[in-house]
N, C-alpha and C. Protein backbone atom coordinates (compact mmCIF):
# COMPACT_ATOMS: atom_id res chain seq x y z
N UNK A 1 0.85 -1.17 0.00
CA UNK A 1 0.00 0.00 0.00
C UNK A 1 0.89 1.23 0.00
N UNK A 2 0.55 2.19 -0.84
CA UNK A 2 1.34 3.41 -0.91
C UNK A 2 1.04 4.29 0.29
N UNK A 3 2.11 4.96 0.73
CA UNK A 3 1.96 5.85 1.87
C UNK A 3 1.09 7.04 1.48
N UNK A 4 0.18 7.41 2.35
CA UNK A 4 -0.68 8.57 2.10
C UNK A 4 -1.99 8.23 1.42
N UNK A 5 -2.10 7.04 0.82
CA UNK A 5 -3.36 6.65 0.18
C UNK A 5 -4.21 5.90 1.19
N UNK A 6 -5.49 6.18 1.23
CA UNK A 6 -6.35 5.47 2.19
C UNK A 6 -6.54 4.01 1.78
N UNK A 7 -6.63 3.15 2.77
CA UNK A 7 -6.87 1.74 2.51
C UNK A 7 -8.38 1.55 2.35
N UNK A 8 -8.77 0.85 1.33
CA UNK A 8 -10.18 0.58 1.07
C UNK A 8 -10.45 -0.86 1.42
N UNK A 9 -11.43 -1.06 2.27
CA UNK A 9 -11.80 -2.42 2.65
C UNK A 9 -13.18 -2.72 2.11
N UNK A 10 -13.33 -3.91 1.59
CA UNK A 10 -14.61 -4.33 1.04
C UNK A 10 -15.11 -5.51 1.85
N UNK A 11 -16.32 -5.42 2.32
CA UNK A 11 -16.93 -6.51 3.07
C UNK A 11 -17.83 -7.31 2.15
N UNK A 12 -17.57 -8.58 2.02
CA UNK A 12 -18.39 -9.44 1.19
C UNK A 12 -19.61 -9.87 2.00
N UNK A 13 -20.78 -9.62 1.44
CA UNK A 13 -22.01 -10.04 2.11
C UNK A 13 -22.35 -9.18 3.32
N UNK A 14 -21.79 -8.00 3.39
CA UNK A 14 -22.10 -7.13 4.52
C UNK A 14 -22.21 -5.70 4.03
N UNK A 15 -22.73 -4.87 4.87
CA UNK A 15 -22.81 -3.46 4.54
C UNK A 15 -22.42 -2.68 5.79
N UNK A 16 -21.90 -1.50 5.60
CA UNK A 16 -21.53 -0.70 6.77
C UNK A 16 -22.74 -0.42 7.65
N UNK A 17 -22.51 -0.41 8.95
CA UNK A 17 -23.56 -0.16 9.93
C UNK A 17 -24.29 1.13 9.61
N UNK A 18 -25.60 1.07 9.56
CA UNK A 18 -26.40 2.26 9.35
C UNK A 18 -26.59 2.63 7.89
N UNK A 19 -25.86 2.00 6.97
CA UNK A 19 -26.01 2.32 5.55
C UNK A 19 -27.28 1.66 5.04
N UNK A 20 -28.11 2.40 4.32
CA UNK A 20 -29.38 1.82 3.86
C UNK A 20 -29.14 0.71 2.82
N UNK A 21 -30.06 -0.22 2.80
CA UNK A 21 -29.99 -1.31 1.83
C UNK A 21 -30.34 -0.76 0.45
N UNK A 22 -29.91 -1.47 -0.56
CA UNK A 22 -30.27 -1.08 -1.92
C UNK A 22 -31.76 -1.17 -2.12
N UNK A 23 -32.28 -0.34 -2.99
CA UNK A 23 -33.72 -0.28 -3.23
C UNK A 23 -34.26 -1.63 -3.70
N UNK A 24 -33.54 -2.30 -4.60
CA UNK A 24 -34.01 -3.59 -5.12
C UNK A 24 -34.08 -4.62 -4.00
N UNK A 25 -33.07 -4.60 -3.13
CA UNK A 25 -33.05 -5.56 -2.02
C UNK A 25 -34.23 -5.30 -1.09
N UNK A 26 -34.47 -4.04 -0.77
CA UNK A 26 -35.59 -3.71 0.11
C UNK A 26 -36.92 -4.12 -0.51
N UNK A 27 -37.06 -3.91 -1.83
CA UNK A 27 -38.29 -4.29 -2.51
C UNK A 27 -38.47 -5.81 -2.50
N UNK A 28 -37.37 -6.55 -2.72
CA UNK A 28 -37.43 -8.01 -2.71
C UNK A 28 -37.78 -8.51 -1.31
N UNK A 29 -37.19 -7.90 -0.30
CA UNK A 29 -37.47 -8.28 1.07
C UNK A 29 -38.93 -8.01 1.43
N UNK A 30 -39.44 -6.86 1.02
CA UNK A 30 -40.83 -6.50 1.29
C UNK A 30 -41.78 -7.46 0.55
N UNK A 31 -41.43 -7.81 -0.68
CA UNK A 31 -42.25 -8.73 -1.46
C UNK A 31 -42.28 -10.10 -0.80
N UNK A 32 -41.14 -10.54 -0.29
CA UNK A 32 -41.06 -11.83 0.40
C UNK A 32 -41.92 -11.81 1.67
N UNK A 33 -41.85 -10.71 2.41
CA UNK A 33 -42.64 -10.59 3.63
C UNK A 33 -44.14 -10.62 3.30
N UNK A 34 -44.54 -9.91 2.25
CA UNK A 34 -45.95 -9.89 1.83
C UNK A 34 -46.41 -11.29 1.43
N UNK A 35 -45.54 -12.03 0.73
CA UNK A 35 -45.88 -13.38 0.32
C UNK A 35 -46.09 -14.27 1.55
N UNK A 36 -45.21 -14.16 2.54
CA UNK A 36 -45.35 -14.95 3.76
C UNK A 36 -46.63 -14.59 4.50
N UNK A 37 -46.95 -13.31 4.57
CA UNK A 37 -48.16 -12.89 5.27
C UNK A 37 -49.42 -13.37 4.53
N UNK A 38 -49.35 -13.41 3.20
CA UNK A 38 -50.49 -13.92 2.43
C UNK A 38 -50.66 -15.42 2.66
N UNK A 39 -49.55 -16.10 2.90
CA UNK A 39 -49.54 -17.54 3.11
C UNK A 39 -49.89 -17.91 4.55
N UNK A 40 -49.75 -16.96 5.45
CA UNK A 40 -49.94 -17.21 6.89
C UNK A 40 -51.35 -17.70 7.17
N UNK A 41 -51.46 -18.80 7.91
CA UNK A 41 -52.78 -19.28 8.30
C UNK A 41 -53.56 -18.22 9.08
N UNK A 42 -54.85 -18.12 8.76
CA UNK A 42 -55.73 -17.15 9.42
C UNK A 42 -56.89 -17.91 10.05
N UNK A 43 -57.28 -17.48 11.24
CA UNK A 43 -58.38 -18.12 11.94
C UNK A 43 -58.45 -17.59 13.36
N UNK A 44 -59.18 -18.28 14.19
CA UNK A 44 -59.29 -17.90 15.59
C UNK A 44 -58.37 -18.83 16.38
N UNK A 45 -57.12 -18.42 16.58
CA UNK A 45 -56.12 -19.26 17.21
C UNK A 45 -55.93 -18.84 18.66
N UNK A 46 -56.03 -19.82 19.56
CA UNK A 46 -55.85 -19.55 20.99
C UNK A 46 -54.68 -20.38 21.52
N UNK A 47 -54.34 -20.15 22.77
CA UNK A 47 -53.23 -20.88 23.39
C UNK A 47 -53.50 -22.39 23.42
N UNK A 48 -54.74 -22.77 23.36
CA UNK A 48 -55.11 -24.19 23.34
C UNK A 48 -54.47 -24.91 22.14
N UNK A 49 -54.40 -24.26 21.00
CA UNK A 49 -53.79 -24.84 19.81
C UNK A 49 -52.39 -24.34 19.57
N UNK A 50 -52.13 -23.09 19.94
CA UNK A 50 -50.81 -22.50 19.68
C UNK A 50 -49.71 -23.11 20.54
N UNK A 51 -49.98 -23.37 21.82
CA UNK A 51 -48.95 -23.89 22.72
C UNK A 51 -48.40 -25.24 22.25
N UNK A 52 -49.26 -26.21 21.91
CA UNK A 52 -48.72 -27.49 21.42
C UNK A 52 -47.95 -27.33 20.10
N UNK A 53 -48.41 -26.43 19.25
CA UNK A 53 -47.73 -26.22 17.97
C UNK A 53 -46.34 -25.62 18.17
N UNK A 54 -46.24 -24.65 19.06
CA UNK A 54 -44.92 -24.04 19.32
C UNK A 54 -43.99 -25.07 19.97
N UNK A 55 -44.50 -25.86 20.91
CA UNK A 55 -43.66 -26.89 21.55
C UNK A 55 -43.17 -27.90 20.51
N UNK A 56 -44.06 -28.35 19.63
CA UNK A 56 -43.69 -29.32 18.60
C UNK A 56 -42.71 -28.70 17.60
N UNK A 57 -42.92 -27.44 17.29
CA UNK A 57 -42.01 -26.74 16.37
C UNK A 57 -40.62 -26.67 16.98
N UNK A 58 -40.54 -26.38 18.25
CA UNK A 58 -39.24 -26.31 18.93
C UNK A 58 -38.55 -27.67 18.96
N UNK A 59 -39.32 -28.76 18.91
CA UNK A 59 -38.71 -30.09 18.87
C UNK A 59 -38.13 -30.40 17.49
N UNK A 60 -38.73 -29.84 16.45
CA UNK A 60 -38.27 -30.18 15.10
C UNK A 60 -37.20 -29.20 14.59
N UNK A 61 -37.13 -28.01 15.15
CA UNK A 61 -36.16 -27.02 14.68
C UNK A 61 -34.72 -27.51 14.66
N UNK A 62 -34.24 -28.28 15.65
CA UNK A 62 -32.86 -28.75 15.58
C UNK A 62 -32.55 -29.61 14.35
N UNK A 63 -33.56 -30.29 13.81
CA UNK A 63 -33.35 -31.08 12.59
C UNK A 63 -32.99 -30.20 11.40
N UNK A 64 -33.32 -28.92 11.51
CA UNK A 64 -33.03 -27.96 10.44
C UNK A 64 -31.87 -27.03 10.81
N UNK A 65 -31.14 -27.40 11.86
CA UNK A 65 -30.00 -26.60 12.28
C UNK A 65 -30.39 -25.31 12.98
N UNK A 66 -31.60 -25.25 13.49
CA UNK A 66 -32.11 -24.05 14.17
C UNK A 66 -32.18 -24.31 15.68
N UNK A 67 -32.07 -23.25 16.44
CA UNK A 67 -32.17 -23.41 17.90
C UNK A 67 -33.65 -23.56 18.29
N UNK A 68 -33.92 -24.44 19.24
CA UNK A 68 -35.31 -24.74 19.64
C UNK A 68 -35.85 -23.75 20.66
N UNK A 69 -35.90 -22.49 20.30
CA UNK A 69 -36.30 -21.48 21.27
C UNK A 69 -37.34 -20.50 20.74
N UNK A 70 -38.23 -20.99 19.87
CA UNK A 70 -39.27 -20.09 19.38
C UNK A 70 -40.20 -19.78 20.55
N UNK A 71 -40.49 -18.50 20.78
CA UNK A 71 -41.33 -18.14 21.93
C UNK A 71 -42.80 -18.48 21.71
N UNK A 72 -43.52 -18.62 22.81
CA UNK A 72 -44.96 -18.88 22.72
C UNK A 72 -45.65 -17.74 21.98
N UNK A 73 -46.68 -18.08 21.26
CA UNK A 73 -47.43 -17.11 20.48
C UNK A 73 -48.72 -16.80 21.23
N UNK A 74 -49.04 -15.53 21.34
CA UNK A 74 -50.28 -15.09 21.99
C UNK A 74 -51.48 -15.43 21.09
N UNK A 75 -52.67 -15.44 21.68
CA UNK A 75 -53.89 -15.63 20.90
C UNK A 75 -53.87 -14.65 19.73
N UNK A 76 -54.25 -15.15 18.56
CA UNK A 76 -54.14 -14.31 17.36
C UNK A 76 -55.15 -14.74 16.30
N UNK A 77 -55.32 -13.90 15.32
CA UNK A 77 -56.18 -14.20 14.17
C UNK A 77 -55.34 -14.64 12.96
N UNK A 78 -54.01 -14.42 13.05
CA UNK A 78 -53.11 -14.79 11.96
C UNK A 78 -51.75 -15.15 12.56
N UNK A 79 -51.18 -16.27 12.09
CA UNK A 79 -49.87 -16.67 12.60
C UNK A 79 -48.82 -15.64 12.17
N UNK A 80 -47.84 -15.38 13.02
CA UNK A 80 -46.79 -14.40 12.70
C UNK A 80 -45.99 -14.81 11.45
N UNK A 81 -45.46 -13.82 10.79
CA UNK A 81 -44.70 -14.05 9.55
C UNK A 81 -43.53 -14.98 9.77
N UNK A 82 -42.74 -14.78 10.83
CA UNK A 82 -41.57 -15.62 11.05
C UNK A 82 -41.96 -17.06 11.41
N UNK A 83 -43.07 -17.22 12.11
CA UNK A 83 -43.54 -18.57 12.44
C UNK A 83 -44.06 -19.26 11.18
N UNK A 84 -44.74 -18.51 10.33
CA UNK A 84 -45.21 -19.05 9.05
C UNK A 84 -44.03 -19.50 8.21
N UNK A 85 -42.96 -18.72 8.23
CA UNK A 85 -41.75 -19.06 7.47
C UNK A 85 -41.19 -20.41 7.95
N UNK A 86 -41.18 -20.63 9.26
CA UNK A 86 -40.69 -21.90 9.82
C UNK A 86 -41.60 -23.05 9.36
N UNK A 87 -42.91 -22.85 9.49
CA UNK A 87 -43.84 -23.91 9.08
C UNK A 87 -43.73 -24.20 7.59
N UNK A 88 -43.52 -23.17 6.78
CA UNK A 88 -43.36 -23.36 5.34
C UNK A 88 -42.08 -24.14 5.04
N UNK A 89 -41.01 -23.88 5.79
CA UNK A 89 -39.75 -24.59 5.62
C UNK A 89 -39.96 -26.09 5.91
N UNK A 90 -40.63 -26.38 7.01
CA UNK A 90 -40.88 -27.77 7.39
C UNK A 90 -41.81 -28.42 6.36
N UNK A 91 -42.86 -27.71 5.97
CA UNK A 91 -43.80 -28.25 4.99
C UNK A 91 -43.09 -28.58 3.68
N UNK A 92 -42.16 -27.73 3.25
CA UNK A 92 -41.40 -27.99 2.03
C UNK A 92 -40.54 -29.23 2.16
N UNK A 93 -39.89 -29.40 3.30
CA UNK A 93 -39.06 -30.58 3.52
C UNK A 93 -39.92 -31.84 3.54
N UNK A 94 -41.09 -31.74 4.14
CA UNK A 94 -42.00 -32.88 4.19
C UNK A 94 -42.45 -33.24 2.77
N UNK A 95 -42.77 -32.24 1.97
CA UNK A 95 -43.17 -32.50 0.57
C UNK A 95 -42.05 -33.21 -0.18
N UNK A 96 -40.81 -32.77 0.01
CA UNK A 96 -39.67 -33.42 -0.65
C UNK A 96 -39.52 -34.86 -0.16
N UNK A 97 -39.71 -35.08 1.13
CA UNK A 97 -39.60 -36.43 1.68
C UNK A 97 -40.74 -37.33 1.15
N UNK A 98 -41.92 -36.77 0.95
CA UNK A 98 -43.03 -37.52 0.38
C UNK A 98 -42.70 -37.88 -1.07
N UNK A 99 -42.17 -36.92 -1.82
CA UNK A 99 -41.79 -37.17 -3.22
C UNK A 99 -40.71 -38.24 -3.32
N UNK A 100 -39.81 -38.28 -2.33
CA UNK A 100 -38.74 -39.27 -2.30
C UNK A 100 -39.21 -40.60 -1.68
N UNK A 101 -40.49 -40.68 -1.36
CA UNK A 101 -41.12 -41.86 -0.77
C UNK A 101 -40.52 -42.24 0.59
N UNK A 102 -40.07 -41.22 1.33
CA UNK A 102 -39.56 -41.42 2.69
C UNK A 102 -40.73 -41.32 3.66
N UNK A 103 -41.69 -40.45 3.35
CA UNK A 103 -42.88 -40.25 4.19
C UNK A 103 -44.13 -40.58 3.39
N UNK A 104 -45.19 -40.89 4.12
CA UNK A 104 -46.49 -41.13 3.51
C UNK A 104 -47.17 -39.79 3.21
N UNK A 105 -48.00 -39.71 2.18
CA UNK A 105 -48.67 -38.46 1.83
C UNK A 105 -49.51 -37.86 2.97
N UNK A 106 -49.97 -38.68 3.91
CA UNK A 106 -50.76 -38.18 5.03
C UNK A 106 -49.96 -37.24 5.93
N UNK A 107 -48.64 -37.27 5.82
CA UNK A 107 -47.79 -36.43 6.66
C UNK A 107 -47.65 -35.00 6.10
N UNK A 108 -48.22 -34.75 4.95
CA UNK A 108 -48.13 -33.41 4.34
C UNK A 108 -48.70 -32.36 5.29
N UNK A 109 -48.04 -31.22 5.30
CA UNK A 109 -48.49 -30.08 6.12
C UNK A 109 -48.97 -29.01 5.15
N UNK A 110 -50.26 -28.79 5.14
CA UNK A 110 -50.87 -27.84 4.22
C UNK A 110 -51.30 -26.60 4.99
N UNK A 111 -50.53 -25.53 4.85
CA UNK A 111 -50.81 -24.30 5.60
C UNK A 111 -52.20 -23.75 5.32
N UNK A 112 -52.67 -23.93 4.10
CA UNK A 112 -53.97 -23.36 3.73
C UNK A 112 -55.13 -24.05 4.44
N UNK A 113 -54.90 -25.20 5.04
CA UNK A 113 -55.99 -25.90 5.75
C UNK A 113 -56.04 -25.54 7.23
N UNK A 114 -55.10 -24.74 7.70
CA UNK A 114 -55.07 -24.37 9.11
C UNK A 114 -56.00 -23.18 9.34
N UNK A 115 -57.11 -23.45 10.01
CA UNK A 115 -58.13 -22.41 10.23
C UNK A 115 -58.52 -22.25 11.69
N UNK A 116 -58.19 -23.26 12.54
CA UNK A 116 -58.63 -23.21 13.94
C UNK A 116 -57.65 -23.99 14.82
N UNK A 117 -57.94 -24.02 16.11
CA UNK A 117 -57.08 -24.69 17.07
C UNK A 117 -56.93 -26.18 16.79
N UNK A 118 -58.00 -26.84 16.34
CA UNK A 118 -57.89 -28.28 16.08
C UNK A 118 -56.91 -28.54 14.93
N UNK A 119 -56.89 -27.67 13.93
CA UNK A 119 -55.94 -27.81 12.83
C UNK A 119 -54.51 -27.57 13.33
N UNK A 120 -54.35 -26.59 14.24
CA UNK A 120 -53.02 -26.34 14.82
C UNK A 120 -52.54 -27.58 15.57
N UNK A 121 -53.44 -28.21 16.31
CA UNK A 121 -53.07 -29.40 17.08
C UNK A 121 -52.74 -30.57 16.16
N UNK A 122 -53.45 -30.68 15.04
CA UNK A 122 -53.16 -31.74 14.08
C UNK A 122 -51.75 -31.56 13.51
N UNK A 123 -51.39 -30.32 13.17
CA UNK A 123 -50.04 -30.04 12.66
C UNK A 123 -49.02 -30.31 13.76
N UNK A 124 -49.33 -29.92 14.98
CA UNK A 124 -48.43 -30.18 16.10
C UNK A 124 -48.16 -31.68 16.23
N UNK A 125 -49.20 -32.48 16.08
CA UNK A 125 -49.04 -33.94 16.15
C UNK A 125 -48.12 -34.45 15.06
N UNK A 126 -48.27 -33.93 13.85
CA UNK A 126 -47.39 -34.34 12.76
C UNK A 126 -45.95 -33.94 13.04
N UNK A 127 -45.76 -32.72 13.55
CA UNK A 127 -44.40 -32.25 13.86
C UNK A 127 -43.77 -33.12 14.95
N UNK A 128 -44.57 -33.51 15.95
CA UNK A 128 -44.08 -34.39 17.02
C UNK A 128 -43.59 -35.71 16.42
N UNK A 129 -44.42 -36.28 15.54
CA UNK A 129 -44.04 -37.55 14.92
C UNK A 129 -42.79 -37.39 14.06
N UNK A 130 -42.76 -36.32 13.26
CA UNK A 130 -41.60 -36.08 12.39
C UNK A 130 -40.31 -35.93 13.18
N UNK A 131 -40.40 -35.26 14.33
CA UNK A 131 -39.20 -35.02 15.12
C UNK A 131 -38.60 -36.32 15.67
N UNK A 132 -39.39 -37.39 15.68
CA UNK A 132 -38.93 -38.68 16.22
C UNK A 132 -38.65 -39.71 15.13
N UNK A 133 -39.01 -39.40 13.88
CA UNK A 133 -38.88 -40.39 12.80
C UNK A 133 -37.44 -40.47 12.29
N UNK A 134 -36.85 -41.65 12.46
CA UNK A 134 -35.47 -41.85 12.02
C UNK A 134 -35.33 -41.64 10.51
N UNK A 135 -36.31 -42.09 9.74
CA UNK A 135 -36.24 -41.96 8.28
C UNK A 135 -36.22 -40.49 7.86
N UNK A 136 -37.03 -39.68 8.51
CA UNK A 136 -37.08 -38.25 8.18
C UNK A 136 -35.79 -37.56 8.59
N UNK A 137 -35.29 -37.90 9.77
CA UNK A 137 -34.02 -37.32 10.24
C UNK A 137 -32.89 -37.66 9.26
N UNK A 138 -32.86 -38.92 8.82
CA UNK A 138 -31.83 -39.35 7.87
C UNK A 138 -31.99 -38.58 6.55
N UNK A 139 -33.23 -38.46 6.09
CA UNK A 139 -33.50 -37.73 4.85
C UNK A 139 -32.98 -36.30 4.93
N UNK A 140 -33.23 -35.64 6.05
CA UNK A 140 -32.78 -34.25 6.21
C UNK A 140 -31.26 -34.14 6.29
N UNK A 141 -30.61 -35.17 6.79
CA UNK A 141 -29.16 -35.09 6.96
C UNK A 141 -28.40 -35.44 5.68
N UNK A 142 -29.08 -36.05 4.71
CA UNK A 142 -28.42 -36.41 3.46
C UNK A 142 -28.20 -35.17 2.60
N UNK A 143 -27.03 -35.10 1.94
CA UNK A 143 -26.78 -33.95 1.07
C UNK A 143 -27.69 -33.99 -0.16
N UNK A 144 -28.02 -32.83 -0.66
CA UNK A 144 -28.85 -32.72 -1.85
C UNK A 144 -28.02 -33.18 -3.04
N UNK A 145 -28.59 -34.00 -3.88
CA UNK A 145 -27.87 -34.50 -5.04
C UNK A 145 -27.60 -33.36 -6.02
N UNK A 146 -26.46 -33.45 -6.70
CA UNK A 146 -26.06 -32.42 -7.66
C UNK A 146 -27.12 -32.19 -8.73
N UNK A 147 -27.66 -33.29 -9.26
CA UNK A 147 -28.64 -33.18 -10.33
C UNK A 147 -29.83 -32.34 -9.91
N UNK A 148 -30.32 -32.56 -8.67
CA UNK A 148 -31.46 -31.79 -8.17
C UNK A 148 -31.11 -30.33 -8.01
N UNK A 149 -29.96 -30.05 -7.37
CA UNK A 149 -29.62 -28.67 -7.11
C UNK A 149 -29.29 -27.92 -8.40
N UNK A 150 -28.79 -28.63 -9.41
CA UNK A 150 -28.49 -27.96 -10.68
C UNK A 150 -29.78 -27.47 -11.32
N UNK A 151 -30.83 -28.26 -11.20
CA UNK A 151 -32.10 -27.87 -11.81
C UNK A 151 -32.80 -26.76 -11.07
N UNK A 152 -32.40 -26.49 -9.82
CA UNK A 152 -33.08 -25.49 -9.03
C UNK A 152 -32.42 -24.13 -9.06
N UNK A 153 -31.23 -24.05 -9.63
CA UNK A 153 -30.57 -22.75 -9.64
C UNK A 153 -30.23 -22.35 -11.07
N UNK A 154 -30.34 -21.09 -11.33
CA UNK A 154 -30.01 -20.57 -12.64
C UNK A 154 -28.71 -19.80 -12.49
N UNK A 155 -27.68 -20.27 -13.14
CA UNK A 155 -26.40 -19.58 -13.08
C UNK A 155 -26.37 -18.46 -14.09
N UNK A 156 -25.21 -17.80 -14.22
CA UNK A 156 -25.06 -16.69 -15.16
C UNK A 156 -25.38 -17.14 -16.58
N UNK A 157 -24.81 -18.32 -16.99
CA UNK A 157 -25.05 -18.79 -18.35
C UNK A 157 -26.52 -19.12 -18.56
N UNK A 158 -27.14 -19.77 -17.55
CA UNK A 158 -28.55 -20.12 -17.66
C UNK A 158 -29.44 -18.90 -17.76
N UNK A 159 -29.11 -17.86 -17.00
CA UNK A 159 -29.90 -16.63 -17.05
C UNK A 159 -29.77 -15.97 -18.41
N UNK A 160 -28.54 -15.99 -18.97
CA UNK A 160 -28.34 -15.39 -20.29
C UNK A 160 -29.09 -16.18 -21.35
N UNK A 161 -29.05 -17.53 -21.25
CA UNK A 161 -29.77 -18.37 -22.20
C UNK A 161 -31.26 -18.12 -22.14
N UNK A 162 -31.77 -17.81 -20.95
CA UNK A 162 -33.20 -17.56 -20.78
C UNK A 162 -33.57 -16.14 -21.19
N UNK A 163 -32.58 -15.34 -21.57
CA UNK A 163 -32.84 -13.98 -22.01
C UNK A 163 -33.13 -13.01 -20.88
N UNK A 164 -32.61 -13.30 -19.69
CA UNK A 164 -32.85 -12.42 -18.54
C UNK A 164 -31.84 -11.29 -18.51
N UNK A 165 -32.34 -10.15 -18.13
CA UNK A 165 -31.44 -9.01 -17.91
C UNK A 165 -30.79 -9.20 -16.56
N UNK A 166 -29.69 -8.51 -16.29
CA UNK A 166 -29.07 -8.62 -14.96
C UNK A 166 -30.04 -8.28 -13.83
N UNK A 167 -30.93 -7.31 -14.06
CA UNK A 167 -31.90 -6.92 -13.04
C UNK A 167 -32.89 -8.05 -12.78
N UNK A 168 -33.36 -8.71 -13.86
CA UNK A 168 -34.30 -9.81 -13.71
C UNK A 168 -33.63 -10.99 -12.99
N UNK A 169 -32.36 -11.23 -13.33
CA UNK A 169 -31.62 -12.30 -12.67
C UNK A 169 -31.48 -12.00 -11.17
N UNK A 170 -31.14 -10.74 -10.84
CA UNK A 170 -31.02 -10.35 -9.44
C UNK A 170 -32.35 -10.55 -8.70
N UNK A 171 -33.44 -10.15 -9.34
CA UNK A 171 -34.76 -10.30 -8.72
C UNK A 171 -35.07 -11.77 -8.48
N UNK A 172 -34.72 -12.62 -9.45
CA UNK A 172 -34.94 -14.06 -9.32
C UNK A 172 -34.14 -14.61 -8.14
N UNK A 173 -32.89 -14.25 -8.08
CA UNK A 173 -32.03 -14.75 -7.00
C UNK A 173 -32.50 -14.23 -5.63
N UNK A 174 -32.91 -12.96 -5.55
CA UNK A 174 -33.39 -12.41 -4.28
C UNK A 174 -34.67 -13.11 -3.85
N UNK A 175 -35.49 -13.46 -4.81
CA UNK A 175 -36.73 -14.14 -4.49
C UNK A 175 -36.50 -15.53 -3.91
N UNK A 176 -35.35 -16.12 -4.21
CA UNK A 176 -35.03 -17.45 -3.71
C UNK A 176 -34.38 -17.41 -2.35
N UNK A 177 -33.97 -16.25 -1.88
CA UNK A 177 -33.28 -16.17 -0.60
C UNK A 177 -34.25 -16.17 0.55
């Protein structure tokens, strides 16, 4: 480094404290939040159904590398966005396990069917069972095959072949995060 010239440091995947996020990133984040809220189960949910669901969720979170400390949810008309995100993550894994014939189709978790406490308790029961199933635990611990992951991501060449602009590619990638 030359004397008298300032050193420039670049942080990969970070931004300086207090610096606003890029407009596209904020829009993608807001769009993702809106999507989760639209997906969030709505109904008359009380502690009678919420408490078992949160307990069961905390039992399954370690299988996904998450800490089992989701707080209890107060009586509500709509599940919180972050809790919906967790349930959607588990539901997606269950769908993949069903497709791989590791789980029976009855184990599917359909967020759109959750309307009341009894539905919350039914999902809690499924989560309890999943958290103890050796086959499901093994399925989650197995690495994703290359062939599958290749089909799920669009690289630079794939985006160019599809005729995407850099902005469209960025939007696509942000939507997947």
